[in-house]
């Protein structure tokens, strides 16, 4: 199994972020091939950090090779391009990690 984890800080425009994220960004992500599972969780509390984490999204794939293949697809490239649109609601880009 492999996961892509995306961590968003507190948005500068919470209402705009929520609307855009759920109505535009998530539908783009849902088109990415080979996703086995997905979760979006609101952060209630973060410890041992000064980051003001707001939201964490997890995308699960069969294995690292499948994840890599999915990242190379036109569908994922569209998700990447959409980051420019979502940035108007954020103070800084989300942190993205890939784990196995």
Protein backbone atom coordinates (compact mmCIF):
# COMPACT_ATOMS: atom_id res chain seq x y z
CA UNK A 1 0.00 0.00 0.00
CA UNK A 2 1.07 3.61 -0.62
CA UNK A 3 -0.56 6.89 0.34
CA UNK A 4 -0.37 10.50 -0.66
CA UNK A 5 -1.12 12.73 2.33
CA UNK A 6 -1.93 16.40 1.77
CA UNK A 7 -1.90 18.77 4.76
CA UNK A 8 -3.54 22.18 4.50
CA UNK A 9 -2.94 25.06 6.91
CA UNK A 10 -5.76 27.28 8.13
CA UNK A 11 -7.12 29.03 5.00
CA UNK A 12 -7.25 32.81 4.81
CA UNK A 13 -10.77 32.43 3.37
CA UNK A 14 -12.36 29.40 5.07
CA UNK A 15 -15.75 29.68 3.36
CA UNK A 16 -14.21 30.12 -0.11
CA UNK A 17 -11.77 27.27 0.49
CA UNK A 18 -14.48 24.89 1.69
CA UNK A 19 -16.71 25.63 -1.29
CA UNK A 20 -13.94 25.40 -3.88
CA UNK A 21 -12.31 22.35 -2.31
CA UNK A 22 -15.51 20.30 -2.16
CA UNK A 23 -17.20 21.51 -5.35
CA UNK A 24 -14.21 21.75 -7.71
CA UNK A 25 -11.02 20.19 -6.34
CA UNK A 26 -12.44 16.94 -4.94
CA UNK A 27 -14.29 16.12 -8.21
CA UNK A 28 -10.96 16.53 -10.06
CA UNK A 29 -9.21 14.21 -7.59
CA UNK A 30 -11.97 11.62 -8.00
CA UNK A 31 -11.01 11.30 -11.69
CA UNK A 32 -7.43 10.18 -10.88
CA UNK A 33 -7.13 6.49 -11.79
CA UNK A 34 -6.28 3.71 -9.35
CA UNK A 35 -7.30 5.40 -6.09
CA UNK A 36 -8.30 2.60 -3.69
CA UNK A 37 -9.53 4.87 -0.94
CA UNK A 38 -9.72 8.51 0.06
CA UNK A 39 -10.30 10.40 3.31
CA UNK A 40 -10.60 14.05 4.17
CA UNK A 41 -10.33 14.91 7.86
CA UNK A 42 -10.55 18.23 9.67
CA UNK A 43 -7.74 18.78 12.17
CA UNK A 44 -9.03 19.32 15.68
CA UNK A 45 -5.64 19.80 17.29
CA UNK A 46 -2.00 19.61 16.25
CA UNK A 47 0.71 19.01 18.84
CA UNK A 48 4.43 19.78 18.83
CA UNK A 49 4.15 22.22 15.93
CA UNK A 50 3.48 25.87 15.31
CA UNK A 51 1.62 24.99 12.11
CA UNK A 52 -2.09 25.76 12.16
CA UNK A 53 -3.23 22.61 10.38
CA UNK A 54 -6.79 22.72 9.10
CA UNK A 55 -7.42 19.74 6.84
CA UNK A 56 -5.65 16.48 5.95
CA UNK A 57 -6.51 14.48 2.84
CA UNK A 58 -5.28 10.92 2.22
CA UNK A 59 -5.31 9.08 -1.10
CA UNK A 60 -4.59 5.37 -0.93
CA UNK A 61 -3.11 3.31 -3.77
CA UNK A 62 -2.31 -0.40 -4.20
CA UNK A 63 1.46 0.13 -3.99
CA UNK A 64 4.14 2.76 -4.68
CA UNK A 65 4.42 1.76 -8.36
CA UNK A 66 0.69 2.25 -8.95
CA UNK A 67 0.82 5.58 -7.11
CA UNK A 68 3.69 6.71 -9.36
CA UNK A 69 1.77 5.65 -12.47
CA UNK A 70 -1.27 7.58 -11.29
CA UNK A 71 0.79 10.73 -10.66
CA UNK A 72 1.87 10.65 -14.31
CA UNK A 73 -1.69 10.65 -15.68
CA UNK A 74 -3.39 13.64 -17.32
CA UNK A 75 -6.04 13.48 -14.59
CA UNK A 76 -3.46 14.00 -11.85
CA UNK A 77 -1.76 16.74 -13.86
CA UNK A 78 -5.11 18.55 -13.89
CA UNK A 79 -5.25 18.26 -10.09
CA UNK A 80 -1.73 19.72 -9.92
CA UNK A 81 -2.71 22.64 -12.16
CA UNK A 82 -5.72 23.31 -9.94
CA UNK A 83 -3.38 24.13 -7.05
CA UNK A 84 -2.98 27.61 -8.57
CA UNK A 85 -6.74 28.13 -8.27
CA UNK A 86 -7.01 26.87 -4.69
CA UNK A 87 -4.06 29.03 -3.58
CA UNK A 88 -6.20 32.16 -3.56
CA UNK A 89 -7.88 30.75 -0.44
CA UNK A 90 -4.64 29.69 1.30
CA UNK A 91 -1.70 31.47 2.89
CA UNK A 92 0.79 28.86 1.71
CA UNK A 93 0.82 25.69 -0.38
CA UNK A 94 -0.23 22.44 1.26
CA UNK A 95 2.44 20.00 2.43
CA UNK A 96 2.36 16.75 0.44
CA UNK A 97 3.99 13.53 1.62
CA UNK A 98 4.04 10.07 0.08
CA UNK A 99 4.25 7.12 2.44
CA UNK A 100 4.16 3.34 2.16
